[in-house]
């Protein structure tokens, strides 16, 4: 029975490459699009340390970037290509979904949360991290949790789930917080450091990375209970089942082989750019449990 299944799967791939099958009428399948243009376009972030950021040489690097490069190898193998150049496309929290939805990039490798609202426009693979929103404040700040921001200024990055979470909590709890929007994570950290905001709400793992990369890490601290639970995953175009299956299977292979855990150790436990310091963030129990039976299905 195994041989017919392999033949059926191979036929499915061949038909997909020959006949466009996508969510957007008249557009090519992702694999056909990659074959025709001769490269794979990967969207990346500028300052989502340690997931996706620009290194000292201004080239993309990070945990999610390394995972995407593994996926790129799987795409190259599937298409039987000798070489598959990577074209990098920098995106922000505000435009990343639109870039994938409009097929300006085949993969987005950053720190994007998989949730129901976004799945209406794009697809996600197996989560590579599970985190939650907390707060970055100055080291001398008395703020310990969200309620302490009452009447104060709290910034978050435009287009992110933590921004929506604090807007909702502010309204529900009548906290009268002045909520500010920053164009990117780096600007939000700068606003806290300069006293333009009393805190920065974002996924805690990003806050630790941004703190470590800041000019004066000891002047900042991360506080508060988790406001949200955020499964972070690579984003890809919606309604292309063959491409999604390829990406999902590569993520599962990385997890089952231990390669994903090795990448985690590299970016979360060992010294990394730009300051060659370690985040020292062991894998949390949420991700450990999720990876026992890796899937793209998440509770939200």
Protein backbone atom coordinates (compact mmCIF):
# COMPACT_ATOMS: atom_id res chain seq x y z
CA UNK A 1 0.00 0.00 0.00
CA UNK A 2 2.91 2.39 0.57
CA UNK A 3 4.04 2.57 -3.06
CA UNK A 4 0.62 3.76 -4.41
CA UNK A 5 0.53 6.41 -1.69
CA UNK A 6 3.94 7.70 -2.72
CA UNK A 7 2.88 7.69 -6.36
CA UNK A 8 -0.31 9.56 -5.48
CA UNK A 9 1.64 12.16 -3.50
CA UNK A 10 4.14 12.59 -6.33
CA UNK A 11 1.29 12.99 -8.81
CA UNK A 12 -0.32 15.60 -6.54
CA UNK A 13 2.92 17.61 -6.52
CA UNK A 14 3.28 17.34 -10.29
CA UNK A 15 -0.30 18.43 -10.92
CA UNK A 16 0.11 21.34 -8.52
CA UNK A 17 3.20 22.54 -10.36
CA UNK A 18 1.42 22.19 -13.71
CA UNK A 19 -1.95 23.63 -12.66
CA UNK A 20 -2.20 26.71 -10.39
CA UNK A 21 -4.00 25.94 -7.11
CA UNK A 22 -4.24 28.93 -4.80
CA UNK A 23 -6.58 31.07 -2.76
CA UNK A 24 -6.15 33.94 -5.17
CA UNK A 25 -7.85 33.21 -8.48
CA UNK A 26 -5.48 33.36 -11.42
CA UNK A 27 -2.28 33.18 -9.35
CA UNK A 28 0.24 30.35 -9.45
CA UNK A 29 0.87 27.84 -6.69
CA UNK A 30 3.72 28.80 -4.38
CA UNK A 31 6.04 26.06 -5.66
CA UNK A 32 5.31 27.00 -9.27
CA UNK A 33 5.89 30.66 -8.42
CA UNK A 34 9.27 29.82 -6.88
CA UNK A 35 10.27 27.65 -9.83
CA UNK A 36 9.35 30.34 -12.37
CA UNK A 37 11.12 33.25 -10.70
CA UNK A 38 14.12 31.15 -9.68
CA UNK A 39 14.35 32.28 -6.06
CA UNK A 40 12.60 32.06 -2.70
CA UNK A 41 11.60 35.34 -1.05
CA UNK A 42 11.79 35.34 2.74
CA UNK A 43 10.36 38.20 4.79
CA UNK A 44 12.32 39.12 7.91
CA UNK A 45 12.24 41.64 10.75
CA UNK A 46 14.76 44.33 11.68
CA UNK A 47 14.87 44.03 15.47
CA UNK A 48 12.98 40.94 16.69
CA UNK A 49 15.92 39.55 18.68
CA UNK A 50 16.65 36.61 18.76
CA UNK A 51 14.10 35.49 16.16
CA UNK A 52 14.80 37.74 13.20
CA UNK A 53 17.08 40.77 13.17
CA UNK A 54 19.87 42.47 11.29
CA UNK A 55 23.35 41.41 12.34
CA UNK A 56 26.47 43.59 12.42
CA UNK A 57 26.83 43.09 8.66
CA UNK A 58 23.18 44.21 8.18
CA UNK A 59 22.19 40.73 6.97
CA UNK A 60 19.16 38.88 8.41
CA UNK A 61 19.90 36.40 11.16
CA UNK A 62 18.21 34.70 14.09
CA UNK A 63 16.37 31.63 15.31
CA UNK A 64 13.39 31.96 12.94
CA UNK A 65 15.70 32.89 10.05
CA UNK A 66 17.70 29.67 10.57
CA UNK A 67 14.48 27.65 10.58
CA UNK A 68 13.37 29.30 7.34
CA UNK A 69 16.71 28.47 5.73
CA UNK A 70 16.05 24.80 6.59
CA UNK A 71 12.64 25.12 4.92
CA UNK A 72 14.33 26.69 1.89
CA UNK A 73 16.51 23.57 1.60
CA UNK A 74 13.40 21.40 1.67
CA UNK A 75 11.84 23.52 -1.11
CA UNK A 76 15.01 23.23 -3.20
CA UNK A 77 14.99 19.45 -2.75
CA UNK A 78 11.30 19.18 -3.61
CA UNK A 79 11.79 21.15 -6.83
CA UNK A 80 14.98 19.19 -7.66
CA UNK A 81 16.98 22.41 -8.08
CA UNK A 82 20.77 22.62 -7.89
CA UNK A 83 20.52 26.09 -6.37
CA UNK A 84 17.76 28.23 -4.87
CA UNK A 85 18.87 31.82 -4.17
CA UNK A 86 17.20 33.64 -1.27
CA UNK A 87 15.76 37.13 -1.74
CA UNK A 88 15.30 38.92 1.60
CA UNK A 89 12.37 41.27 2.17
CA UNK A 90 12.33 43.37 5.36
CA UNK A 91 8.87 43.80 6.89
CA UNK A 92 7.40 45.49 9.96
CA UNK A 93 4.66 44.54 12.39
CA UNK A 94 2.28 46.65 10.32
CA UNK A 95 2.90 45.25 6.81
CA UNK A 96 4.09 41.64 7.34
CA UNK A 97 0.66 40.02 6.87
CA UNK A 98 -0.10 41.99 3.70
CA UNK A 99 3.29 41.03 2.22
CA UNK A 100 2.53 37.31 2.63
CA UNK A 101 -1.14 37.63 1.65
CA UNK A 102 -0.17 39.38 -1.61
CA UNK A 103 2.58 36.81 -2.35
CA UNK A 104 5.40 39.34 -2.20
CA UNK A 105 7.20 36.73 -0.07
CA UNK A 106 6.68 32.98 0.34
CA UNK A 107 7.67 32.81 4.02
CA UNK A 108 7.76 35.30 6.91
CA UNK A 109 10.40 34.43 9.47
CA UNK A 110 9.99 36.52 12.58
CA UNK A 111 7.97 36.56 15.79
CA UNK A 112 4.42 36.46 14.45
CA UNK A 113 1.57 35.07 16.55
CA UNK A 114 -0.72 32.47 14.98
CA UNK A 115 -4.32 33.42 15.79
CA UNK A 116 -7.76 33.05 14.26
CA UNK A 117 -7.95 36.62 12.96
CA UNK A 118 -4.71 36.25 11.01
CA UNK A 119 -5.58 32.76 9.73
CA UNK A 120 -8.41 34.36 7.78
CA UNK A 121 -5.71 35.92 5.56
CA UNK A 122 -2.59 33.74 5.82
CA UNK A 123 -1.47 30.29 6.97
CA UNK A 124 0.93 29.24 9.73
CA UNK A 125 3.12 26.22 10.28
CA UNK A 126 4.06 24.48 13.55
CA UNK A 127 4.96 27.02 16.29
CA UNK A 128 8.66 27.53 16.91
CA UNK A 129 8.08 29.36 20.21
CA UNK A 130 5.31 29.95 22.74
CA UNK A 131 5.46 33.15 24.74
CA UNK A 132 3.24 35.81 26.34
CA UNK A 133 3.08 39.58 26.67
CA UNK A 134 4.78 41.29 29.63
CA UNK A 135 6.31 44.76 30.15
CA UNK A 136 9.71 46.38 29.75
CA UNK A 137 10.25 49.30 32.17
CA UNK A 138 13.18 51.31 33.46
CA UNK A 139 15.13 49.63 36.25
CA UNK A 140 14.12 52.30 38.79
CA UNK A 141 10.40 52.03 37.93
CA UNK A 142 7.98 50.93 40.69
CA UNK A 143 5.70 49.34 38.07
CA UNK A 144 5.17 45.61 38.62
CA UNK A 145 2.14 44.73 36.47
CA UNK A 146 -0.49 46.13 34.10
CA UNK A 147 -2.60 47.78 36.84
CA UNK A 148 0.39 49.94 37.81
CA UNK A 149 0.25 51.66 34.41
CA UNK A 150 -3.04 53.33 35.37
CA UNK A 151 -2.89 56.91 34.12
CA UNK A 152 0.58 56.34 32.65
CA UNK A 153 1.99 55.84 29.13
CA UNK A 154 2.36 52.33 27.73
CA UNK A 155 3.79 51.75 24.26
CA UNK A 156 3.54 48.72 21.98
CA UNK A 157 4.48 48.03 18.39
CA UNK A 158 1.97 48.80 15.63
CA UNK A 159 0.16 45.79 14.19
CA UNK A 160 0.98 43.36 17.04
CA UNK A 161 -1.23 41.19 19.24
CA UNK A 162 0.16 42.69 22.50
CA UNK A 163 -1.01 46.13 21.33
CA UNK A 164 -4.55 44.81 20.85
CA UNK A 165 -4.38 42.99 24.21
CA UNK A 166 -3.47 46.11 26.19
CA UNK A 167 -6.09 48.17 24.33
CA UNK A 168 -8.73 45.61 25.28
CA UNK A 169 -7.54 45.32 28.91
CA UNK A 170 -7.36 49.11 29.25
CA UNK A 171 -10.97 49.42 28.12
CA UNK A 172 -12.26 46.49 30.18
CA UNK A 173 -10.50 47.56 33.40
CA UNK A 174 -11.01 51.33 32.98
CA UNK A 175 -7.31 51.94 33.62
CA UNK A 176 -7.08 55.18 31.61
CA UNK A 177 -3.66 54.18 30.26
CA UNK A 178 -2.32 56.39 27.48
CA UNK A 179 -1.49 53.78 24.84
CA UNK A 180 1.19 54.73 22.32
CA UNK A 181 2.18 53.02 19.05
CA UNK A 182 5.77 52.56 17.89
CA UNK A 183 6.69 51.67 14.28
CA UNK A 184 9.05 48.90 15.45
CA UNK A 185 10.42 47.23 18.59
CA UNK A 186 13.65 49.21 18.64
CA UNK A 187 11.78 52.52 18.71
CA UNK A 188 9.56 51.31 21.57
CA UNK A 189 12.63 50.41 23.67
CA UNK A 190 14.10 53.83 22.89
CA UNK A 191 10.89 55.52 24.07
CA UNK A 192 11.10 53.72 27.42
CA UNK A 193 14.79 54.48 27.83
CA UNK A 194 14.22 58.19 27.11
CA UNK A 195 11.21 58.46 29.41
CA UNK A 196 8.78 59.04 26.55
CA UNK A 197 6.83 55.96 27.72
CA UNK A 198 6.57 54.31 31.13
CA UNK A 199 6.67 50.81 29.68
CA UNK A 200 6.68 48.67 26.55
CA UNK A 201 4.21 45.78 26.21
CA UNK A 202 5.47 42.93 24.03
CA UNK A 203 6.16 39.18 24.02
CA UNK A 204 8.49 38.61 26.97
CA UNK A 205 11.08 36.68 24.97
CA UNK A 206 11.45 39.67 22.65
CA UNK A 207 11.75 42.01 25.60
CA UNK A 208 14.63 40.00 27.03
CA UNK A 209 16.36 40.03 23.64
CA UNK A 210 15.81 43.75 23.13
CA UNK A 211 17.03 44.49 26.64
CA UNK A 212 20.22 42.48 26.04
CA UNK A 213 20.84 44.34 22.78
CA UNK A 214 20.19 47.82 24.24
CA UNK A 215 23.05 50.27 24.94
CA UNK A 216 22.55 49.92 28.71
CA UNK A 217 20.79 46.64 29.60
CA UNK A 218 21.07 47.22 33.36
CA UNK A 219 18.88 50.31 33.05
CA UNK A 220 15.88 48.19 31.99
CA UNK A 221 13.91 45.26 33.43
CA UNK A 222 11.05 42.96 32.43
CA UNK A 223 8.08 42.80 34.81
CA UNK A 224 4.51 41.54 35.13
CA UNK A 225 2.43 38.41 34.73
CA UNK A 226 1.69 37.04 31.26
CA UNK A 227 -1.14 39.05 29.73
CA UNK A 228 -1.46 36.70 26.75
CA UNK A 229 -0.30 33.31 25.46
CA UNK A 230 1.32 33.67 22.04
CA UNK A 231 2.23 30.73 19.75
CA UNK A 232 4.81 32.16 17.33
CA UNK A 233 5.09 30.54 13.91
CA UNK A 234 6.34 31.03 10.38
CA UNK A 235 3.71 32.65 8.18
CA UNK A 236 3.00 31.50 4.61
CA UNK A 237 0.37 32.09 1.91
CA UNK A 238 -3.11 30.72 2.56
CA UNK A 239 -4.89 27.94 0.65
CA UNK A 240 -1.91 26.19 -0.91
CA UNK A 241 -2.13 22.74 0.72
CA UNK A 242 0.86 21.24 -1.09
CA UNK A 243 3.25 24.02 -0.05
CA UNK A 244 1.88 24.04 3.49
CA UNK A 245 2.30 20.29 3.80
CA UNK A 246 5.92 20.64 2.69
CA UNK A 247 6.63 23.35 5.28
CA UNK A 248 4.75 21.52 8.06
CA UNK A 249 6.61 18.28 7.43
CA UNK A 250 9.97 20.05 7.48
CA UNK A 251 9.15 21.70 10.82
CA UNK A 252 8.09 18.35 12.26
CA UNK A 253 11.28 16.75 10.94
CA UNK A 254 13.40 19.44 12.59
CA UNK A 255 11.63 18.89 15.91
CA UNK A 256 11.74 15.07 15.82
CA UNK A 257 15.39 14.96 14.71
CA UNK A 258 16.52 17.34 17.46
CA UNK A 259 17.72 19.99 14.98
CA UNK A 260 15.12 22.48 16.20
CA UNK A 261 16.29 22.00 19.79
CA UNK A 262 19.89 22.61 18.68
CA UNK A 263 18.84 25.84 16.98
CA UNK A 264 17.04 26.85 20.17
CA UNK A 265 20.20 26.27 22.21
CA UNK A 266 22.22 28.36 19.77
CA UNK A 267 19.94 31.41 19.92
CA UNK A 268 18.57 31.33 23.47
CA UNK A 269 21.36 29.82 25.56
CA UNK A 270 24.62 30.84 23.86
CA UNK A 271 26.18 34.26 23.15
CA UNK A 272 24.60 35.98 20.14
CA UNK A 273 25.08 39.29 18.29
CA UNK A 274 25.09 42.21 18.50
CA UNK A 275 26.85 42.20 21.90
CA UNK A 276 27.89 38.55 21.99
CA UNK A 277 25.86 37.99 25.16
CA UNK A 278 23.57 35.06 26.01
CA UNK A 279 19.85 35.44 26.78
CA UNK A 280 20.02 32.36 29.05
CA UNK A 281 16.38 31.47 28.43
CA UNK A 282 15.83 27.70 28.78
CA UNK A 283 12.98 26.26 26.75
CA UNK A 284 9.73 26.80 28.67
CA UNK A 285 7.36 23.97 29.54
CA UNK A 286 4.71 25.21 27.10
CA UNK A 287 6.96 24.68 24.07
CA UNK A 288 8.38 21.40 25.43
CA UNK A 289 4.87 19.98 25.79
CA UNK A 290 3.73 21.30 22.42
CA UNK A 291 6.70 19.76 20.61
CA UNK A 292 5.91 16.29 21.99
CA UNK A 293 3.13 16.13 19.39
CA UNK A 294 3.97 18.95 16.94
CA UNK A 295 1.04 20.40 15.02
CA UNK A 296 -0.04 23.64 13.38
CA UNK A 297 -3.30 23.57 15.37
CA UNK A 298 -3.28 26.12 18.22
CA UNK A 299 -5.99 26.97 20.77
CA UNK A 300 -6.65 30.51 19.57
